[in-house]
Amino acid sequence: HDSEIAESGEQAIKMLSHDFDLVLLDVMMPGIDGFETAKRIRVNKEMNGIPIIMVTALGDKESRLKAVEAGANDFISKPVDITELNVRSQAQLKIKEAQETIKNHNQILEETVQRRTMELRHALTDLSKEQERTHDAHLDTIVRLSTAAEYKDEDTAIHIHRMSRYC
């Protein structure tokens, strides 16, 4: 597995791209601390889905809550146990993979809904045109029948014209 190392929070933010799968942040770093670095990562829409694990020597509850509020998904206390780091990293990567699968599925669903909506609009437009053509055909049939009746009986023809004006 490839990894990149940054010497400070500012450098980490400059190096970070949406291609990264996981960020390990130490709380105590030169320049901005891990809390602020996490907050800045979370503000960036392209990278706010990357899991962040905070590594800290601070063991108090307040520091852990501050890490979560800053956007950390998990935290590990120093000294770091490599087995714990692997287990927590794998868990975060599985969560990220599941979220990406859901995101991709939602995008496919959205595209399908848009395509089907357009197909439905076209079908409704076609239906409306066909209804108009059917209406015109009915009117044409009535006019032809009344014309035929005029040739047969003038009184009936006049009656049909009167009735059509009433309608």
N, C-alpha and C. Protein backbone atom coordinates (compact mmCIF):
# COMPACT_ATOMS: atom_id res chain seq x y z
N HIS A 1 0.85 -1.18 0.00
CA HIS A 1 0.00 0.00 0.00
C HIS A 1 0.89 1.24 0.00
N ASP A 2 0.60 2.15 -0.89
CA ASP A 2 1.37 3.39 -0.98
C ASP A 2 0.95 4.33 0.12
N SER A 3 1.91 5.12 0.58
CA SER A 3 1.59 6.14 1.58
C SER A 3 2.44 7.37 1.32
N GLU A 4 1.97 8.49 1.79
CA GLU A 4 2.66 9.77 1.67
C GLU A 4 2.82 10.34 3.07
N ILE A 5 3.90 11.03 3.30
CA ILE A 5 4.15 11.62 4.61
C ILE A 5 4.27 13.13 4.44
N ALA A 6 3.56 13.85 5.30
CA ALA A 6 3.63 15.32 5.31
C ALA A 6 4.26 15.74 6.64
N GLU A 7 5.03 16.80 6.60
CA GLU A 7 5.72 17.30 7.80
C GLU A 7 4.85 18.23 8.62
N SER A 8 3.76 18.74 8.04
CA SER A 8 2.89 19.67 8.75
C SER A 8 1.47 19.55 8.22
N GLY A 9 0.54 20.17 8.94
CA GLY A 9 -0.85 20.17 8.48
C GLY A 9 -1.01 20.90 7.17
N GLU A 10 -0.32 22.02 7.01
CA GLU A 10 -0.41 22.78 5.76
C GLU A 10 0.07 21.94 4.58
N GLN A 11 1.19 21.25 4.76
CA GLN A 11 1.73 20.41 3.69
C GLN A 11 0.77 19.26 3.38
N ALA A 12 0.18 18.68 4.40
CA ALA A 12 -0.77 17.58 4.20
C ALA A 12 -1.96 18.04 3.36
N ILE A 13 -2.48 19.21 3.66
CA ILE A 13 -3.63 19.73 2.92
C ILE A 13 -3.25 19.99 1.47
N LYS A 14 -2.03 20.52 1.22
CA LYS A 14 -1.59 20.77 -0.15
C LYS A 14 -1.41 19.47 -0.93
N MET A 15 -0.93 18.42 -0.25
CA MET A 15 -0.68 17.14 -0.91
C MET A 15 -1.96 16.35 -1.16
N LEU A 16 -2.95 16.55 -0.34
CA LEU A 16 -4.15 15.72 -0.33
C LEU A 16 -4.97 15.91 -1.60
N SER A 17 -5.46 14.79 -2.12
CA SER A 17 -6.38 14.83 -3.26
C SER A 17 -7.46 13.78 -3.02
N HIS A 18 -8.47 13.77 -3.88
CA HIS A 18 -9.57 12.82 -3.71
C HIS A 18 -9.13 11.37 -3.93
N ASP A 19 -7.91 11.18 -4.43
CA ASP A 19 -7.39 9.83 -4.67
C ASP A 19 -6.95 9.14 -3.39
N PHE A 20 -6.79 9.89 -2.30
CA PHE A 20 -6.35 9.30 -1.03
C PHE A 20 -7.49 8.50 -0.42
N ASP A 21 -7.13 7.39 0.20
CA ASP A 21 -8.13 6.52 0.81
C ASP A 21 -8.28 6.75 2.30
N LEU A 22 -7.23 7.25 2.97
CA LEU A 22 -7.25 7.37 4.41
C LEU A 22 -6.21 8.40 4.84
N VAL A 23 -6.52 9.15 5.90
CA VAL A 23 -5.58 10.13 6.44
C VAL A 23 -5.33 9.79 7.91
N LEU A 24 -4.06 9.68 8.28
CA LEU A 24 -3.66 9.54 9.68
C LEU A 24 -3.10 10.89 10.10
N LEU A 25 -3.67 11.48 11.12
CA LEU A 25 -3.24 12.80 11.57
C LEU A 25 -2.77 12.74 13.02
N ASP A 26 -1.61 13.31 13.26
CA ASP A 26 -1.17 13.48 14.64
C ASP A 26 -1.78 14.79 15.13
N VAL A 27 -2.17 14.84 16.38
CA VAL A 27 -2.74 16.07 16.93
C VAL A 27 -1.67 17.14 17.01
N MET A 28 -0.50 16.79 17.52
CA MET A 28 0.59 17.76 17.70
C MET A 28 1.48 17.77 16.47
N MET A 29 1.36 18.83 15.67
CA MET A 29 2.18 18.99 14.47
C MET A 29 2.67 20.42 14.41
N PRO A 30 3.76 20.65 13.66
CA PRO A 30 4.21 22.02 13.46
C PRO A 30 3.15 22.80 12.66
N GLY A 31 3.02 24.07 12.94
CA GLY A 31 2.00 24.89 12.25
C GLY A 31 0.63 24.59 12.82
N ILE A 32 -0.32 24.37 11.94
CA ILE A 32 -1.67 24.06 12.43
C ILE A 32 -1.70 22.65 13.00
N ASP A 33 -2.47 22.46 14.05
CA ASP A 33 -2.52 21.14 14.68
C ASP A 33 -3.45 20.20 13.91
N GLY A 34 -3.53 18.97 14.37
CA GLY A 34 -4.34 17.95 13.71
C GLY A 34 -5.82 18.28 13.70
N PHE A 35 -6.30 18.93 14.76
CA PHE A 35 -7.72 19.31 14.82
C PHE A 35 -8.06 20.28 13.68
N GLU A 36 -7.24 21.31 13.53
CA GLU A 36 -7.48 22.31 12.48
C GLU A 36 -7.30 21.70 11.10
N THR A 37 -6.32 20.83 10.95
CA THR A 37 -6.09 20.16 9.66
C THR A 37 -7.33 19.35 9.28
N ALA A 38 -7.87 18.60 10.23
CA ALA A 38 -9.08 17.80 9.97
C ALA A 38 -10.25 18.70 9.56
N LYS A 39 -10.41 19.82 10.26
CA LYS A 39 -11.49 20.75 9.91
C LYS A 39 -11.35 21.25 8.48
N ARG A 40 -10.13 21.59 8.09
CA ARG A 40 -9.90 22.11 6.73
C ARG A 40 -10.13 21.02 5.67
N ILE A 41 -9.80 19.79 6.00
CA ILE A 41 -10.06 18.69 5.06
C ILE A 41 -11.57 18.52 4.89
N ARG A 42 -12.31 18.59 5.97
CA ARG A 42 -13.76 18.40 5.92
C ARG A 42 -14.48 19.51 5.17
N VAL A 43 -13.89 20.69 5.10
CA VAL A 43 -14.52 21.80 4.38
C VAL A 43 -14.45 21.58 2.87
N ASN A 44 -13.42 20.88 2.41
CA ASN A 44 -13.23 20.64 0.99
C ASN A 44 -14.18 19.53 0.52
N LYS A 45 -15.10 19.86 -0.39
CA LYS A 45 -16.11 18.90 -0.85
C LYS A 45 -15.50 17.66 -1.50
N GLU A 46 -14.41 17.84 -2.24
CA GLU A 46 -13.79 16.71 -2.92
C GLU A 46 -13.18 15.71 -1.95
N MET A 47 -12.77 16.19 -0.78
CA MET A 47 -12.02 15.33 0.13
C MET A 47 -12.72 15.07 1.45
N ASN A 48 -13.93 15.59 1.63
CA ASN A 48 -14.57 15.43 2.93
C ASN A 48 -15.03 14.00 3.21
N GLY A 49 -14.98 13.12 2.22
CA GLY A 49 -15.35 11.73 2.42
C GLY A 49 -14.19 10.83 2.79
N ILE A 50 -12.98 11.38 2.80
CA ILE A 50 -11.81 10.58 3.14
C ILE A 50 -11.80 10.35 4.65
N PRO A 51 -11.70 9.10 5.10
CA PRO A 51 -11.66 8.84 6.54
C PRO A 51 -10.40 9.42 7.18
N ILE A 52 -10.57 9.97 8.37
CA ILE A 52 -9.44 10.53 9.12
C ILE A 52 -9.33 9.81 10.46
N ILE A 53 -8.14 9.30 10.73
CA ILE A 53 -7.85 8.70 12.03
C ILE A 53 -6.85 9.61 12.72
N MET A 54 -7.21 10.09 13.89
CA MET A 54 -6.33 10.96 14.68
C MET A 54 -5.45 10.09 15.57
N VAL A 55 -4.16 10.41 15.57
CA VAL A 55 -3.21 9.73 16.45
C VAL A 55 -2.80 10.75 17.49
N THR A 56 -3.00 10.41 18.76
CA THR A 56 -2.76 11.39 19.79
C THR A 56 -2.20 10.78 21.07
N ALA A 57 -1.38 11.56 21.73
CA ALA A 57 -0.89 11.17 23.06
C ALA A 57 -1.89 11.62 24.11
N LEU A 58 -2.81 12.50 23.70
CA LEU A 58 -3.83 13.00 24.61
C LEU A 58 -4.86 11.90 24.85
N GLY A 59 -5.08 11.56 26.09
CA GLY A 59 -6.01 10.49 26.39
C GLY A 59 -7.30 10.95 27.00
N ASP A 60 -7.43 12.25 27.23
CA ASP A 60 -8.63 12.74 27.91
C ASP A 60 -9.84 12.76 26.99
N LYS A 61 -11.00 12.68 27.58
CA LYS A 61 -12.26 12.64 26.86
C LYS A 61 -12.47 13.90 26.03
N GLU A 62 -12.09 15.04 26.57
CA GLU A 62 -12.28 16.32 25.87
C GLU A 62 -11.52 16.35 24.54
N SER A 63 -10.30 15.84 24.53
CA SER A 63 -9.50 15.81 23.29
C SER A 63 -10.12 14.87 22.26
N ARG A 64 -10.65 13.75 22.72
CA ARG A 64 -11.28 12.81 21.80
C ARG A 64 -12.56 13.42 21.20
N LEU A 65 -13.34 14.11 22.02
CA LEU A 65 -14.54 14.78 21.51
C LEU A 65 -14.16 15.88 20.53
N LYS A 66 -13.09 16.60 20.83
CA LYS A 66 -12.63 17.67 19.93
C LYS A 66 -12.20 17.07 18.59
N ALA A 67 -11.58 15.88 18.63
CA ALA A 67 -11.18 15.21 17.38
C ALA A 67 -12.40 14.84 16.54
N VAL A 68 -13.42 14.31 17.17
CA VAL A 68 -14.64 13.94 16.46
C VAL A 68 -15.32 15.19 15.91
N GLU A 69 -15.39 16.26 16.70
CA GLU A 69 -15.99 17.51 16.24
C GLU A 69 -15.22 18.10 15.07
N ALA A 70 -13.91 17.89 15.03
CA ALA A 70 -13.08 18.40 13.94
C ALA A 70 -13.27 17.60 12.65
N GLY A 71 -13.85 16.40 12.79
CA GLY A 71 -14.12 15.60 11.59
C GLY A 71 -13.41 14.26 11.56
N ALA A 72 -12.75 13.89 12.64
CA ALA A 72 -12.08 12.59 12.68
C ALA A 72 -13.11 11.47 12.75
N ASN A 73 -12.84 10.39 12.04
CA ASN A 73 -13.72 9.23 12.07
C ASN A 73 -13.36 8.29 13.22
N ASP A 74 -12.08 8.33 13.63
CA ASP A 74 -11.62 7.44 14.68
C ASP A 74 -10.34 8.06 15.26
N PHE A 75 -9.87 7.50 16.36
CA PHE A 75 -8.62 7.99 16.95
C PHE A 75 -7.90 6.83 17.61
N ILE A 76 -6.57 6.95 17.65
CA ILE A 76 -5.70 5.95 18.26
C ILE A 76 -4.77 6.68 19.21
N SER A 77 -4.58 6.11 20.38
CA SER A 77 -3.68 6.70 21.36
C SER A 77 -2.25 6.22 21.15
N LYS A 78 -1.30 7.12 21.45
CA LYS A 78 0.11 6.75 21.41
C LYS A 78 0.46 6.04 22.71
N PRO A 79 1.36 5.14 22.71
CA PRO A 79 2.09 4.60 21.56
C PRO A 79 1.16 3.76 20.68
N VAL A 80 1.37 3.86 19.38
CA VAL A 80 0.49 3.20 18.42
C VAL A 80 0.80 1.70 18.37
N ASP A 81 -0.23 0.90 18.55
CA ASP A 81 -0.12 -0.55 18.38
C ASP A 81 -0.43 -0.85 16.92
N ILE A 82 0.51 -1.49 16.21
CA ILE A 82 0.38 -1.72 14.78
C ILE A 82 -0.86 -2.56 14.43
N THR A 83 -1.19 -3.53 15.29
CA THR A 83 -2.38 -4.35 15.05
C THR A 83 -3.64 -3.51 15.16
N GLU A 84 -3.72 -2.65 16.18
CA GLU A 84 -4.87 -1.77 16.33
C GLU A 84 -4.97 -0.81 15.14
N LEU A 85 -3.83 -0.28 14.71
CA LEU A 85 -3.82 0.62 13.56
C LEU A 85 -4.35 -0.09 12.32
N ASN A 86 -3.91 -1.32 12.08
CA ASN A 86 -4.37 -2.08 10.91
C ASN A 86 -5.87 -2.35 10.98
N VAL A 87 -6.34 -2.78 12.15
CA VAL A 87 -7.76 -3.09 12.31
C VAL A 87 -8.62 -1.84 12.10
N ARG A 88 -8.25 -0.75 12.73
CA ARG A 88 -9.03 0.48 12.59
C ARG A 88 -8.96 1.05 11.17
N SER A 89 -7.79 0.96 10.57
CA SER A 89 -7.64 1.44 9.18
C SER A 89 -8.52 0.62 8.24
N GLN A 90 -8.48 -0.71 8.37
CA GLN A 90 -9.29 -1.57 7.52
C GLN A 90 -10.79 -1.29 7.70
N ALA A 91 -11.19 -1.06 8.94
CA ALA A 91 -12.60 -0.75 9.21
C ALA A 91 -13.00 0.54 8.50
N GLN A 92 -12.17 1.57 8.59
CA GLN A 92 -12.48 2.84 7.94
C GLN A 92 -12.50 2.70 6.42
N LEU A 93 -11.58 1.90 5.89
CA LEU A 93 -11.55 1.70 4.44
C LEU A 93 -12.78 0.94 3.95
N LYS A 94 -13.27 -0.02 4.74
CA LYS A 94 -14.49 -0.74 4.37
C LYS A 94 -15.70 0.19 4.40
N ILE A 95 -15.75 1.05 5.39
CA ILE A 95 -16.84 2.02 5.48
C ILE A 95 -16.81 2.96 4.28
N LYS A 96 -15.60 3.43 3.94
CA LYS A 96 -15.46 4.33 2.78
C LYS A 96 -15.90 3.63 1.50
N GLU A 97 -15.50 2.38 1.34
CA GLU A 97 -15.88 1.62 0.15
C GLU A 97 -17.40 1.46 0.07
N ALA A 98 -18.03 1.17 1.20
CA ALA A 98 -19.49 1.04 1.22
C ALA A 98 -20.16 2.37 0.87
N GLN A 99 -19.63 3.47 1.39
CA GLN A 99 -20.20 4.79 1.09
C GLN A 99 -20.04 5.13 -0.39
N GLU A 100 -18.89 4.78 -0.97
CA GLU A 100 -18.68 5.04 -2.40
C GLU A 100 -19.61 4.19 -3.25
N THR A 101 -19.85 2.94 -2.83
CA THR A 101 -20.78 2.07 -3.55
C THR A 101 -22.18 2.68 -3.53
N ILE A 102 -22.60 3.15 -2.37
CA ILE A 102 -23.92 3.79 -2.24
C ILE A 102 -23.97 5.05 -3.09
N LYS A 103 -22.92 5.85 -3.06
CA LYS A 103 -22.87 7.09 -3.84
C LYS A 103 -22.98 6.78 -5.34
N ASN A 104 -22.23 5.77 -5.80
CA ASN A 104 -22.28 5.39 -7.22
C ASN A 104 -23.66 4.85 -7.58
N HIS A 105 -24.24 4.06 -6.71
CA HIS A 105 -25.58 3.52 -6.95
C HIS A 105 -26.60 4.65 -7.03
N ASN A 106 -26.49 5.62 -6.13
CA ASN A 106 -27.41 6.77 -6.15
C ASN A 106 -27.27 7.56 -7.44
N GLN A 107 -26.03 7.70 -7.92
CA GLN A 107 -25.81 8.43 -9.17
C GLN A 107 -26.45 7.68 -10.34
N ILE A 108 -26.30 6.36 -10.36
CA ILE A 108 -26.93 5.55 -11.42
C ILE A 108 -28.45 5.68 -11.35
N LEU A 109 -29.00 5.63 -10.13
CA LEU A 109 -30.44 5.79 -9.96
C LEU A 109 -30.91 7.15 -10.45
N GLU A 110 -30.17 8.19 -10.11
CA GLU A 110 -30.53 9.55 -10.53
C GLU A 110 -30.53 9.65 -12.05
N GLU A 111 -29.52 9.08 -12.69
CA GLU A 111 -29.45 9.11 -14.16
C GLU A 111 -30.62 8.34 -14.76
N THR A 112 -30.96 7.21 -14.16
CA THR A 112 -32.08 6.41 -14.65
C THR A 112 -33.39 7.18 -14.50
N VAL A 113 -33.58 7.84 -13.36
CA VAL A 113 -34.79 8.63 -13.14
C VAL A 113 -34.87 9.76 -14.17
N GLN A 114 -33.76 10.43 -14.43
CA GLN A 114 -33.77 11.52 -15.42
C GLN A 114 -34.11 10.99 -16.81
N ARG A 115 -33.49 9.85 -17.18
CA ARG A 115 -33.76 9.27 -18.50
C ARG A 115 -35.22 8.85 -18.62
N ARG A 116 -35.74 8.18 -17.61
CA ARG A 116 -37.13 7.72 -17.65
C ARG A 116 -38.10 8.90 -17.64
N THR A 117 -37.76 9.96 -16.92
CA THR A 117 -38.60 11.16 -16.91
C THR A 117 -38.68 11.76 -18.30
N MET A 118 -37.55 11.83 -18.99
CA MET A 118 -37.55 12.36 -20.35
C MET A 118 -38.38 11.46 -21.28
N GLU A 119 -38.22 10.14 -21.12
CA GLU A 119 -39.01 9.22 -21.93
C GLU A 119 -40.51 9.40 -21.67
N LEU A 120 -40.87 9.58 -20.41
CA LEU A 120 -42.27 9.80 -20.05
C LEU A 120 -42.78 11.10 -20.64
N ARG A 121 -41.97 12.15 -20.58
CA ARG A 121 -42.39 13.44 -21.17
C ARG A 121 -42.63 13.31 -22.67
N HIS A 122 -41.73 12.58 -23.35
CA HIS A 122 -41.92 12.36 -24.79
C HIS A 122 -43.19 11.56 -25.06
N ALA A 123 -43.41 10.53 -24.23
CA ALA A 123 -44.62 9.71 -24.41
C ALA A 123 -45.88 10.53 -24.18
N LEU A 124 -45.86 11.41 -23.16
CA LEU A 124 -47.02 12.26 -22.89
C LEU A 124 -47.25 13.25 -24.03
N THR A 125 -46.17 13.77 -24.59
CA THR A 125 -46.30 14.69 -25.73
C THR A 125 -46.90 13.94 -26.91
N ASP A 126 -46.42 12.73 -27.18
CA ASP A 126 -46.96 11.92 -28.27
C ASP A 126 -48.44 11.59 -28.02
N LEU A 127 -48.76 11.24 -26.77
CA LEU A 127 -50.15 10.93 -26.42
C LEU A 127 -51.05 12.14 -26.65
N SER A 128 -50.57 13.30 -26.25
CA SER A 128 -51.35 14.53 -26.43
C SER A 128 -51.60 14.80 -27.91
N LYS A 129 -50.58 14.59 -28.73
CA LYS A 129 -50.73 14.80 -30.17
C LYS A 129 -51.74 13.80 -30.75
N GLU A 130 -51.66 12.56 -30.29
CA GLU A 130 -52.60 11.54 -30.78
C GLU A 130 -54.03 11.84 -30.34
N GLN A 131 -54.20 12.33 -29.11
CA GLN A 131 -55.54 12.71 -28.64
C GLN A 131 -56.09 13.84 -29.51
N GLU A 132 -55.24 14.78 -29.84
CA GLU A 132 -55.68 15.91 -30.69
C GLU A 132 -56.06 15.40 -32.08
N ARG A 133 -55.29 14.48 -32.62
CA ARG A 133 -55.61 13.92 -33.93
C ARG A 133 -56.91 13.13 -33.87
N THR A 134 -57.13 12.39 -32.78
CA THR A 134 -58.38 11.63 -32.62
C THR A 134 -59.57 12.59 -32.53
N HIS A 135 -59.40 13.68 -31.77
CA HIS A 135 -60.47 14.69 -31.64
C HIS A 135 -60.79 15.29 -33.01
N ASP A 136 -59.74 15.64 -33.76
CA ASP A 136 -59.95 16.20 -35.10
C ASP A 136 -60.66 15.19 -36.02
N ALA A 137 -60.28 13.90 -35.88
CA ALA A 137 -60.92 12.86 -36.70
C ALA A 137 -62.40 12.72 -36.34
N HIS A 138 -62.72 12.83 -35.02
CA HIS A 138 -64.13 12.77 -34.61
C HIS A 138 -64.92 13.92 -35.21
N LEU A 139 -64.35 15.12 -35.12
CA LEU A 139 -65.03 16.29 -35.69
C LEU A 139 -65.22 16.14 -37.19
N ASP A 140 -64.20 15.63 -37.87
CA ASP A 140 -64.29 15.43 -39.31
C ASP A 140 -65.38 14.41 -39.65
N THR A 141 -65.47 13.36 -38.83
CA THR A 141 -66.51 12.34 -39.04
C THR A 141 -67.90 12.94 -38.89
N ILE A 142 -68.07 13.77 -37.86
CA ILE A 142 -69.38 14.42 -37.64
C ILE A 142 -69.73 15.33 -38.81
N VAL A 143 -68.75 16.11 -39.28
CA VAL A 143 -69.01 17.01 -40.41
C VAL A 143 -69.39 16.20 -41.65
N ARG A 144 -68.72 15.10 -41.88
CA ARG A 144 -69.02 14.28 -43.07
C ARG A 144 -70.41 13.63 -42.95
N LEU A 145 -70.75 13.18 -41.73
CA LEU A 145 -72.08 12.61 -41.54
C LEU A 145 -73.18 13.65 -41.76
N SER A 146 -72.92 14.87 -41.24
CA SER A 146 -73.94 15.92 -41.44
C SER A 146 -74.03 16.31 -42.90
N THR A 147 -72.92 16.31 -43.59
CA THR A 147 -72.93 16.62 -45.04
C THR A 147 -73.72 15.55 -45.78
N ALA A 148 -73.50 14.29 -45.39
CA ALA A 148 -74.25 13.19 -46.02
C ALA A 148 -75.74 13.33 -45.73
N ALA A 149 -76.09 13.74 -44.51
CA ALA A 149 -77.51 13.91 -44.15
C ALA A 149 -78.12 15.05 -44.93
N GLU A 150 -77.35 16.11 -45.22
CA GLU A 150 -77.87 17.24 -46.00
C GLU A 150 -78.29 16.80 -47.38
N TYR A 151 -77.54 15.92 -47.97
CA TYR A 151 -77.89 15.46 -49.32
C TYR A 151 -79.16 14.63 -49.32
N LYS A 152 -79.40 13.94 -48.20
CA LYS A 152 -80.55 13.07 -48.14
C LYS A 152 -81.83 13.81 -47.75
N ASP A 153 -81.72 14.72 -46.73
CA ASP A 153 -82.92 15.39 -46.21
C ASP A 153 -82.53 16.78 -45.74
N GLU A 154 -83.07 17.80 -46.39
CA GLU A 154 -82.71 19.19 -46.07
C GLU A 154 -83.16 19.58 -44.67
N ASP A 155 -84.36 19.12 -44.23
CA ASP A 155 -84.83 19.44 -42.88
C ASP A 155 -83.90 18.88 -41.81
N THR A 156 -83.44 17.67 -42.01
CA THR A 156 -82.51 17.05 -41.06
C THR A 156 -81.19 17.82 -41.03
N ALA A 157 -80.76 18.27 -42.19
CA ALA A 157 -79.50 19.02 -42.27
C ALA A 157 -79.60 20.33 -41.49
N ILE A 158 -80.72 21.04 -41.64
CA ILE A 158 -80.92 22.29 -40.91
C ILE A 158 -80.98 22.02 -39.42
N HIS A 159 -81.68 20.94 -39.04
CA HIS A 159 -81.76 20.56 -37.63
C HIS A 159 -80.35 20.27 -37.07
N ILE A 160 -79.54 19.57 -37.79
CA ILE A 160 -78.17 19.24 -37.34
C ILE A 160 -77.35 20.52 -37.16
N HIS A 161 -77.48 21.47 -38.10
CA HIS A 161 -76.75 22.75 -37.97
C HIS A 161 -77.20 23.51 -36.74
N ARG A 162 -78.55 23.55 -36.50
CA ARG A 162 -79.06 24.23 -35.30
C ARG A 162 -78.51 23.58 -34.04
N MET A 163 -78.52 22.27 -33.97
CA MET A 163 -78.02 21.56 -32.80
C MET A 163 -76.52 21.80 -32.58
N SER A 164 -75.78 21.89 -33.68
CA SER A 164 -74.35 22.13 -33.53
C SER A 164 -74.09 23.52 -32.98
N ARG A 165 -74.92 24.51 -33.38
CA ARG A 165 -74.75 25.86 -32.81
C ARG A 165 -75.12 25.90 -31.36
N TYR A 166 -76.15 25.16 -30.96
CA TYR A 166 -76.51 25.09 -29.53
C TYR A 166 -75.38 24.48 -28.71
N CYS A 167 -74.79 23.44 -29.25
CA CYS A 167 -73.70 22.76 -28.53
C CYS A 167 -72.51 23.68 -28.41
